[in-house]
């Protein structure tokens, strides 16, 4: 209440009666806007904001704490997004935070990813049917199997979640060991959180780097789940032979982000990927 109390206005007439302002009473009867607003039914978990920025740039932002860490949630009427940081533990914390605060009906791990097969090119978007955690080999099936899209090549894919950024050699190893097509860092931890809370799970990943694109050197620029862009710039300044490669990666990531957000906006968030998975909502 902030130490303030509402006082009804009285207007005294000749008969000394008191008339309470009906507008104030009406205001007291009305629930707050927070109570009136419907809770988003879809939760989207990504690593960093720029992956989802084309989608969330005009959404409301709300800060809240979970497990002694502050998160920024981006809200629309039908979905909430949170970008928890790079890596499995950051993905887990973000997933648990959004579940505790919003009680969503479906969880989506969304973001850019690396291709493990030559058939996947920059900008391609896939909906993996299986997500594997490279740390322990555990497997999680996604709800895409129940959708019409599940019968297409886009969904007949396997996502492997690696504890670090996978370079070209690591990509080949993951493809050979697990039969995977795509690699990310957080998908398996989000899938595990969804499983613990008995929630449907989807993974939607857009390709930012192809199978032979070398990324292993980028691990040194990740601190506390965040990519340190300034450190990368300082590293690149005396190494001009790397400039074109990084410019290419930035452009590829932007294209992947745009395609990812187009899929989210036009299918996942209008409940047309898996009709009936969540209750009807207005987009």
Foldseek 3Di string as FASTA:
>chain_A
DVPDDDDFDFDQDPVRDTDGDVVVVVVVPDDDPVVVQAFAQEEEEEADCLLQCVQQVPFDWDWDDDPRDIWIWGDDSHYIYTHQFAAAVSLLRVLVVCCVPRVHQEYEYEGAWEWLDQVADQLDKAKEQWEAEPVPGDIFGAPLCQFPCCVDPRHPFYEYAYRFDDFLVSSPVCCVPPVGTIYGGHQVSSRVSCVVVVHGYIYMYGYLYYNHQGDRVQRVQGDPRDGNVVVVVVVCPVPVVCVVVVVSSVVSRNSRSVSRNVCCVPDVSCCNSNNPSDDHDDD
